[in-house]
PDB file of N, CA and C in Angstrom:
ATOM      1  N   UNK A   1      -8.812  -5.399  -9.823  1.00  0.00           N
ATOM      2  CA  UNK A   1      -8.704  -5.711  -8.570  1.00  0.00           C
ATOM      3  C   UNK A   1      -9.660  -5.514  -7.990  1.00  0.00           C
ATOM      4  N   UNK A   2     -10.152  -6.268  -6.860  1.00  0.00           N
ATOM      5  CA  UNK A   2     -11.455  -6.081  -6.065  1.00  0.00           C
ATOM      6  C   UNK A   2     -11.038  -6.019  -4.511  1.00  0.00           C
ATOM      7  N   UNK A   3     -11.540  -4.918  -3.912  1.00  0.00           N
ATOM      8  CA  UNK A   3     -11.425  -4.536  -2.571  1.00  0.00           C
ATOM      9  C   UNK A   3     -11.605  -5.463  -1.992  1.00  0.00           C
ATOM     10  N   UNK A   4     -10.915  -5.711  -0.220  1.00  0.00           N
ATOM     11  CA  UNK A   4     -11.808  -6.527   0.602  1.00  0.00           C
ATOM     12  C   UNK A   4     -13.265  -5.487   1.029  1.00  0.00           C
ATOM     13  N   UNK A   5     -14.143  -6.267   1.769  1.00  0.00           N
ATOM     14  CA  UNK A   5     -15.234  -5.647   2.185  1.00  0.00           C
ATOM     15  C   UNK A   5     -14.952  -4.857   3.378  1.00  0.00           C
ATOM     16  N   UNK A   6     -15.808  -3.964   3.821  1.00  0.00           N
ATOM     17  CA  UNK A   6     -15.703  -3.166   4.968  1.00  0.00           C
ATOM     18  C   UNK A   6     -15.001  -4.156   6.230  1.00  0.00           C
ATOM     19  N   UNK A   7     -15.919  -5.446   6.060  1.00  0.00           N
ATOM     20  CA  UNK A   7     -15.794  -5.776   7.340  1.00  0.00           C
ATOM     21  C   UNK A   7     -15.015  -7.218   7.145  1.00  0.00           C
ATOM     22  N   UNK A   8     -14.153  -7.336   6.210  1.00  0.00           N
ATOM     23  CA  UNK A   8     -12.815  -8.042   5.948  1.00  0.00           C
ATOM     24  C   UNK A   8     -11.479  -7.546   6.445  1.00  0.00           C
ATOM     25  N   UNK A   9     -10.692  -8.238   6.807  1.00  0.00           N
ATOM     26  CA  UNK A   9      -9.333  -7.578   7.358  1.00  0.00           C
ATOM     27  C   UNK A   9      -8.742  -7.924   6.089  1.00  0.00           C
ATOM     28  N   UNK A  10      -7.633  -6.755   5.301  1.00  0.00           N
ATOM     29  CA  UNK A  10      -6.706  -6.478   4.268  1.00  0.00           C
ATOM     30  C   UNK A  10      -5.498  -7.672   4.588  1.00  0.00           C
ATOM     31  N   UNK A  11      -5.325  -8.191   3.698  1.00  0.00           N
ATOM     32  CA  UNK A  11      -4.141  -9.052   3.615  1.00  0.00           C
ATOM     33  C   UNK A  11      -2.854  -8.001   2.797  1.00  0.00           C
ATOM     34  N   UNK A  12      -1.231  -8.198   3.179  1.00  0.00           N
ATOM     35  CA  UNK A  12      -0.408  -8.014   2.233  1.00  0.00           C
ATOM     36  C   UNK A  12      -0.549  -8.439   0.985  1.00  0.00           C
ATOM     37  N   UNK A  13      -0.607 -10.055   0.890  1.00  0.00           N
ATOM     38  CA  UNK A  13      -0.935 -10.716  -0.496  1.00  0.00           C
ATOM     39  C   UNK A  13      -1.743 -10.634  -1.174  1.00  0.00           C
ATOM     40  N   UNK A  14      -2.933 -10.559  -0.423  1.00  0.00           N
ATOM     41  CA  UNK A  14      -3.976 -10.399  -1.473  1.00  0.00           C
ATOM     42  C   UNK A  14      -4.675  -9.026  -1.899  1.00  0.00           C
ATOM     43  N   UNK A  15      -4.414  -8.151  -0.686  1.00  0.00           N
ATOM     44  CA  UNK A  15      -4.919  -6.563  -0.975  1.00  0.00           C
ATOM     45  C   UNK A  15      -4.044  -5.694  -1.297  1.00  0.00           C
ATOM     46  N   UNK A  16      -2.816  -5.660  -0.892  1.00  0.00           N
ATOM     47  CA  UNK A  16      -1.449  -4.655  -0.578  1.00  0.00           C
ATOM     48  C   UNK A  16      -1.169  -4.684  -1.287  1.00  0.00           C
ATOM     49  N   UNK A  17       0.023  -5.859  -1.588  1.00  0.00           N
ATOM     50  CA  UNK A  17       0.700  -5.857  -3.182  1.00  0.00           C
ATOM     51  C   UNK A  17       0.090  -5.810  -4.467  1.00  0.00           C
ATOM     52  N   UNK A  18      -0.952  -6.236  -4.542  1.00  0.00           N
ATOM     53  CA  UNK A  18      -1.440  -5.445  -5.873  1.00  0.00           C
ATOM     54  C   UNK A  18      -1.497  -4.107  -5.850  1.00  0.00           C
ATOM     55  N   UNK A  19      -1.409  -3.280  -5.121  1.00  0.00           N
ATOM     56  CA  UNK A  19      -1.841  -1.784  -5.215  1.00  0.00           C
ATOM     57  C   UNK A  19      -0.303  -1.402  -5.819  1.00  0.00           C
ATOM     58  N   UNK A  20       0.752  -1.836  -5.439  1.00  0.00           N
ATOM     59  CA  UNK A  20       1.885  -1.723  -5.967  1.00  0.00           C
ATOM     60  C   UNK A  20       2.261  -2.205  -7.564  1.00  0.00           C
ATOM     61  N   UNK A  21       2.706  -1.589  -8.355  1.00  0.00           N
ATOM     62  CA  UNK A  21       2.835  -1.895 -10.197  1.00  0.00           C
ATOM     63  C   UNK A  21       4.462  -2.060 -10.012  1.00  0.00           C
ATOM     64  N   UNK A  22       4.574  -3.106 -10.659  1.00  0.00           N
ATOM     65  CA  UNK A  22       6.240  -3.134 -11.024  1.00  0.00           C
ATOM     66  C   UNK A  22       6.679  -1.642 -10.999  1.00  0.00           C
ATOM     67  N   UNK A  23       6.450  -0.880 -11.836  1.00  0.00           N
ATOM     68  CA  UNK A  23       6.987   0.823 -11.874  1.00  0.00           C
ATOM     69  C   UNK A  23       7.226   1.028 -10.440  1.00  0.00           C
ATOM     70  N   UNK A  24       6.109   1.082  -9.661  1.00  0.00           N
ATOM     71  CA  UNK A  24       6.225   1.420  -8.508  1.00  0.00           C
ATOM     72  C   UNK A  24       7.561   0.731  -7.692  1.00  0.00           C
ATOM     73  N   UNK A  25       7.443  -0.309  -7.707  1.00  0.00           N
ATOM     74  CA  UNK A  25       9.010  -0.907  -7.187  1.00  0.00           C
ATOM     75  C   UNK A  25       9.520  -0.843  -7.597  1.00  0.00           C
ATOM     76  N   UNK A  26      10.007  -0.509  -8.613  1.00  0.00           N
ATOM     77  CA  UNK A  26      11.188  -0.117  -9.280  1.00  0.00           C
ATOM     78  C   UNK A  26      11.662   1.183  -8.781  1.00  0.00           C
ATOM     79  N   UNK A  27      10.705   2.160  -8.539  1.00  0.00           N
ATOM     80  CA  UNK A  27      11.221   3.454  -8.307  1.00  0.00           C
ATOM     81  C   UNK A  27      11.761   3.676  -6.886  1.00  0.00           C
ATOM     82  N   UNK A  28      11.335   2.658  -6.262  1.00  0.00           N
ATOM     83  CA  UNK A  28      11.353   2.856  -4.500  1.00  0.00           C
ATOM     84  C   UNK A  28      12.623   2.126  -4.206  1.00  0.00           C
ATOM     85  N   UNK A  29      13.176   0.992  -5.078  1.00  0.00           N
ATOM     86  CA  UNK A  29      13.514  -0.280  -4.488  1.00  0.00           C
ATOM     87  C   UNK A  29      14.963  -0.227  -3.700  1.00  0.00           C
ATOM     88  N   UNK A  30      15.643   1.432  -4.268  1.00  0.00           N
ATOM     89  CA  UNK A  30      16.665   2.250  -3.519  1.00  0.00           C
ATOM     90  C   UNK A  30      16.594   2.081  -2.021  1.00  0.00           C
ATOM     91  N   UNK A  31      15.041   2.186  -1.594  1.00  0.00           N
ATOM     92  CA  UNK A  31      14.991   2.746  -0.233  1.00  0.00           C
ATOM     93  C   UNK A  31      14.850   1.442   0.639  1.00  0.00           C
ATOM     94  N   UNK A  32      13.438   0.474  -0.441  1.00  0.00           N
ATOM     95  CA  UNK A  32      13.013  -0.838   0.064  1.00  0.00           C
ATOM     96  C   UNK A  32      11.979  -0.947  -0.708  1.00  0.00           C
ATOM     97  N   UNK A  33      11.790  -2.252  -0.561  1.00  0.00           N
ATOM     98  CA  UNK A  33      10.660  -3.468  -1.382  1.00  0.00           C
ATOM     99  C   UNK A  33       9.487  -3.275  -1.288  1.00  0.00           C
ATOM    100  N   UNK A  34       8.659  -2.870  -2.294  1.00  0.00           N
ATOM    101  CA  UNK A  34       7.181  -2.672  -2.303  1.00  0.00           C
ATOM    102  C   UNK A  34       6.524  -3.716  -1.929  1.00  0.00           C
ATOM    103  N   UNK A  35       7.047  -5.005  -2.160  1.00  0.00           N
ATOM    104  CA  UNK A  35       6.591  -6.175  -2.567  1.00  0.00           C
ATOM    105  C   UNK A  35       6.820  -7.019  -1.513  1.00  0.00           C
ATOM    106  N   UNK A  36       7.412  -6.745  -0.664  1.00  0.00           N
ATOM    107  CA  UNK A  36       8.266  -6.913   1.189  1.00  0.00           C
ATOM    108  C   UNK A  36       7.178  -7.023   2.134  1.00  0.00           C
ATOM    109  N   UNK A  37       6.170  -7.690   2.615  1.00  0.00           N
ATOM    110  CA  UNK A  37       5.774  -7.596   4.060  1.00  0.00           C
ATOM    111  C   UNK A  37       6.412  -6.945   4.201  1.00  0.00           C
ATOM    112  N   UNK A  38       7.718  -6.824   5.177  1.00  0.00           N
ATOM    113  CA  UNK A  38       8.579  -6.813   6.414  1.00  0.00           C
ATOM    114  C   UNK A  38       8.565  -5.264   6.142  1.00  0.00           C
ATOM    115  N   UNK A  39       9.274  -4.884   4.299  1.00  0.00           N
ATOM    116  CA  UNK A  39       9.349  -3.578   4.332  1.00  0.00           C
ATOM    117  C   UNK A  39       8.354  -2.698   4.258  1.00  0.00           C
ATOM    118  N   UNK A  40       7.055  -3.082   3.710  1.00  0.00           N
ATOM    119  CA  UNK A  40       6.296  -2.083   3.663  1.00  0.00           C
ATOM    120  C   UNK A  40       5.752  -1.901   5.168  1.00  0.00           C
ATOM    121  N   UNK A  41       5.724  -2.722   5.697  1.00  0.00           N
ATOM    122  CA  UNK A  41       5.543  -2.884   7.319  1.00  0.00           C
ATOM    123  C   UNK A  41       6.272  -1.753   8.422  1.00  0.00           C
ATOM    124  N   UNK A  42       7.261  -1.712   7.722  1.00  0.00           N
ATOM    125  CA  UNK A  42       8.398  -0.916   8.418  1.00  0.00           C
ATOM    126  C   UNK A  42       8.326   0.375   8.052  1.00  0.00           C
ATOM    127  N   UNK A  43       7.636   0.815   6.498  1.00  0.00           N
ATOM    128  CA  UNK A  43       7.824   2.214   6.252  1.00  0.00           C
ATOM    129  C   UNK A  43       6.019   2.351   5.820  1.00  0.00           C
ATOM    130  N   UNK A  44       5.042   1.905   6.896  1.00  0.00           N
ATOM    131  CA  UNK A  44       3.983   1.922   6.364  1.00  0.00           C
ATOM    132  C   UNK A  44       3.734   3.730   6.798  1.00  0.00           C
ATOM    133  N   UNK A  45       3.957   4.044   7.560  1.00  0.00           N
ATOM    134  CA  UNK A  45       3.426   5.077   8.130  1.00  0.00           C
ATOM    135  C   UNK A  45       3.973   6.197   6.995  1.00  0.00           C
ATOM    136  N   UNK A  46       4.956   6.174   6.316  1.00  0.00           N
ATOM    137  CA  UNK A  46       5.410   7.154   5.350  1.00  0.00           C
ATOM    138  C   UNK A  46       4.708   6.837   3.774  1.00  0.00           C
ATOM    139  N   UNK A  47       4.780   5.542   3.641  1.00  0.00           N
ATOM    140  CA  UNK A  47       3.621   5.540   2.690  1.00  0.00           C
ATOM    141  C   UNK A  47       2.352   5.605   2.902  1.00  0.00           C
ATOM    142  N   UNK A  48       1.788   5.548   3.874  1.00  0.00           N
ATOM    143  CA  UNK A  48       0.140   5.910   4.205  1.00  0.00           C
ATOM    144  C   UNK A  48       0.362   7.193   4.111  1.00  0.00           C
ATOM    145  N   UNK A  49       1.249   8.124   4.188  1.00  0.00           N
ATOM    146  CA  UNK A  49       1.070   9.644   4.144  1.00  0.00           C
ATOM    147  C   UNK A  49       1.816   9.969   2.710  1.00  0.00           C
ATOM    148  N   UNK A  50       2.209   9.580   1.934  1.00  0.00           N
ATOM    149  CA  UNK A  50       2.278   9.921   0.961  1.00  0.00           C
ATOM    150  C   UNK A  50       1.344   9.518  -0.190  1.00  0.00           C
ATOM    151  N   UNK A  51       0.519   8.511   0.203  1.00  0.00           N
ATOM    152  CA  UNK A  51      -0.704   8.159  -0.996  1.00  0.00           C
ATOM    153  C   UNK A  51      -1.637   8.589  -0.807  1.00  0.00           C
ATOM    154  N   UNK A  52      -2.228   9.041   0.849  1.00  0.00           N
ATOM    155  CA  UNK A  52      -2.730  10.510   1.188  1.00  0.00           C
ATOM    156  C   UNK A  52      -2.748  11.583   0.309  1.00  0.00           C
ATOM    157  N   UNK A  53      -1.275  11.997   0.290  1.00  0.00           N
ATOM    158  CA  UNK A  53      -1.331  13.249  -0.172  1.00  0.00           C
ATOM    159  C   UNK A  53      -1.250  13.511  -1.669  1.00  0.00           C
ATOM    160  N   UNK A  54      -0.676  12.534  -2.368  1.00  0.00           N
ATOM    161  CA  UNK A  54      -0.993  12.324  -3.516  1.00  0.00           C
ATOM    162  C   UNK A  54       0.407  12.430  -4.277  1.00  0.00           C
ATOM    163  N   UNK A  55       1.363  12.507  -2.864  1.00  0.00           N
ATOM    164  CA  UNK A  55       2.791  12.147  -4.219  1.00  0.00           C
ATOM    165  C   UNK A  55       3.473  11.325  -4.033  1.00  0.00           C
ATOM    166  N   UNK A  56       2.554   9.984  -4.083  1.00  0.00           N
ATOM    167  CA  UNK A  56       3.122   8.592  -4.304  1.00  0.00           C
ATOM    168  C   UNK A  56       1.825   7.806  -4.641  1.00  0.00           C
ATOM    169  N   UNK A  57       1.803   7.111  -5.824  1.00  0.00           N
ATOM    170  CA  UNK A  57       3.033   6.941  -6.806  1.00  0.00           C
ATOM    171  C   UNK A  57       3.250   8.262  -7.535  1.00  0.00           C
ATOM    172  N   UNK A  58       4.575   8.418  -7.681  1.00  0.00           N
ATOM    173  CA  UNK A  58       5.258   9.779  -8.635  1.00  0.00           C
ATOM    174  C   UNK A  58       4.719   9.946 -10.047  1.00  0.00           C
ATOM    175  N   UNK A  59       3.431   9.212 -10.684  1.00  0.00           N
ATOM    176  CA  UNK A  59       2.934   9.376 -11.684  1.00  0.00           C
ATOM    177  C   UNK A  59       1.531   9.815 -11.378  1.00  0.00           C
ATOM    178  N   UNK A  60       1.127  10.094 -10.477  1.00  0.00           N
ATOM    179  CA  UNK A  60      -0.402  10.259 -10.260  1.00  0.00           C
ATOM    180  C   UNK A  60      -1.079   9.201  -8.629  1.00  0.00           C
ATOM    181  N   UNK A  61      -1.949  10.302  -8.350  1.00  0.00           N
ATOM    182  CA  UNK A  61      -2.509  10.228  -7.057  1.00  0.00           C
ATOM    183  C   UNK A  61      -3.392   8.711  -7.119  1.00  0.00           C
ATOM    184  N   UNK A  62      -3.351   7.651  -6.457  1.00  0.00           N
ATOM    185  CA  UNK A  62      -4.221   6.660  -6.259  1.00  0.00           C
ATOM    186  C   UNK A  62      -5.822   6.910  -6.184  1.00  0.00           C
ATOM    187  N   UNK A  63      -6.710   6.234  -6.348  1.00  0.00           N
ATOM    188  CA  UNK A  63      -8.061   6.617  -6.096  1.00  0.00           C
ATOM    189  C   UNK A  63      -8.346   6.297  -4.201  1.00  0.00           C
ATOM    190  N   UNK A  64      -9.135   7.420  -4.130  1.00  0.00           N
ATOM    191  CA  UNK A  64      -9.401   7.338  -2.729  1.00  0.00           C
ATOM    192  C   UNK A  64      -9.662   5.907  -1.892  1.00  0.00           C
ATOM    193  N   UNK A  65     -10.508   5.109  -2.801  1.00  0.00           N
ATOM    194  CA  UNK A  65     -10.518   3.458  -2.160  1.00  0.00           C
ATOM    195  C   UNK A  65      -9.155   2.600  -2.293  1.00  0.00           C
ATOM    196  N   UNK A  66      -8.558   2.850  -2.952  1.00  0.00           N
ATOM    197  CA  UNK A  66      -7.237   2.364  -3.031  1.00  0.00           C
ATOM    198  C   UNK A  66      -6.688   2.742  -1.753  1.00  0.00           C
ATOM    199  N   UNK A  67      -6.888   4.134  -1.445  1.00  0.00           N
ATOM    200  CA  UNK A  67      -6.115   4.727  -0.171  1.00  0.00           C
ATOM    201  C   UNK A  67      -6.379   4.002   1.102  1.00  0.00           C
ATOM    202  N   UNK A  68      -8.105   3.919   1.299  1.00  0.00           N
ATOM    203  CA  UNK A  68      -8.569   3.249   2.230  1.00  0.00           C
ATOM    204  C   UNK A  68      -8.085   1.704   2.636  1.00  0.00           C
ATOM    205  N   UNK A  69      -8.282   0.773   1.346  1.00  0.00           N
ATOM    206  CA  UNK A  69      -7.771   0.415   1.401  1.00  0.00           C
ATOM    207  C   UNK A  69      -6.356  -0.008   2.361  1.00  0.00           C
ATOM    208  N   UNK A  70      -5.319   0.684   2.047  1.00  0.00           N
ATOM    209  CA  UNK A  70      -4.107   0.617   2.585  1.00  0.00           C
ATOM    210  C   UNK A  70      -4.219   0.970   3.913  1.00  0.00           C
ATOM    211  N   UNK A  71      -4.957   1.988   4.563  1.00  0.00           N
ATOM    212  CA  UNK A  71      -5.205   2.421   5.487  1.00  0.00           C
ATOM    213  C   UNK A  71      -5.763   1.497   6.713  1.00  0.00           C
ATOM    214  N   UNK A  72      -6.931   0.717   6.010  1.00  0.00           N
ATOM    215  CA  UNK A  72      -7.219  -0.189   6.862  1.00  0.00           C
ATOM    216  C   UNK A  72      -6.537  -1.120   7.079  1.00  0.00           C
ATOM    217  N   UNK A  73      -5.555  -1.725   6.335  1.00  0.00           N
ATOM    218  CA  UNK A  73      -4.202  -2.731   6.369  1.00  0.00           C
ATOM    219  C   UNK A  73      -3.781  -2.306   7.671  1.00  0.00           C
ATOM    220  N   UNK A  74      -3.278  -0.836   7.624  1.00  0.00           N
ATOM    221  CA  UNK A  74      -2.241  -0.558   8.522  1.00  0.00           C
ATOM    222  C   UNK A  74      -2.808  -0.809  10.117  1.00  0.00           C
ATOM    223  N   UNK A  75      -4.339   0.338   9.604  1.00  0.00           N
ATOM    224  CA  UNK A  75      -5.494  -0.126  11.166  1.00  0.00           C
ATOM    225  C   UNK A  75      -5.718  -0.818  11.630  1.00  0.00           C
ATOM    226  N   UNK A  76      -5.716  -2.260  10.562  1.00  0.00           N
ATOM    227  CA  UNK A  76      -6.106  -3.152  11.585  1.00  0.00           C
ATOM    228  C   UNK A  76      -5.151  -4.302  11.887  1.00  0.00           C
ATOM    229  N   UNK A  77      -3.815  -3.593  12.067  1.00  0.00           N
ATOM    230  CA  UNK A  77      -2.379  -4.797  12.163  1.00  0.00           C
ATOM    231  C   UNK A  77      -0.981  -5.197  11.164  1.00  0.00           C
ATOM    232  N   UNK A  78      -1.886  -4.761   9.748  1.00  0.00           N
ATOM    233  CA  UNK A  78      -0.989  -5.211   8.939  1.00  0.00           C
ATOM    234  C   UNK A  78      -0.641  -6.735   8.544  1.00  0.00           C
ATOM    235  N   UNK A  79      -1.329  -7.224   8.182  1.00  0.00           N
ATOM    236  CA  UNK A  79      -1.599  -8.956   7.863  1.00  0.00           C
ATOM    237  C   UNK A  79      -1.144  -9.279   6.732  1.00  0.00           C
ATOM    238  N   UNK A  80      -0.088 -10.561   7.120  1.00  0.00           N
ATOM    239  CA  UNK A  80       0.832 -10.616   5.997  1.00  0.00           C
ATOM    240  C   UNK A  80       0.115 -11.302   4.492  1.00  0.00           C
TER     241      UNK A  80
END
């Protein structure tokens, strides 16, 4: 998976949705759908907090570059 360059605005379909594995989606499905742009937007601040502190996903923290892509997506207005 390649990350958008620093001057590119991340999109949900291309850059964010692929960050979440099927196992991640299943783990969270009682709360919300990680493959739904509307659900991820609605919970973006909580998701960001958890990926930053390493408590999400539950089987190991994301590498910093993934956290950065999610942060950029949030900061840039969470495009679909």
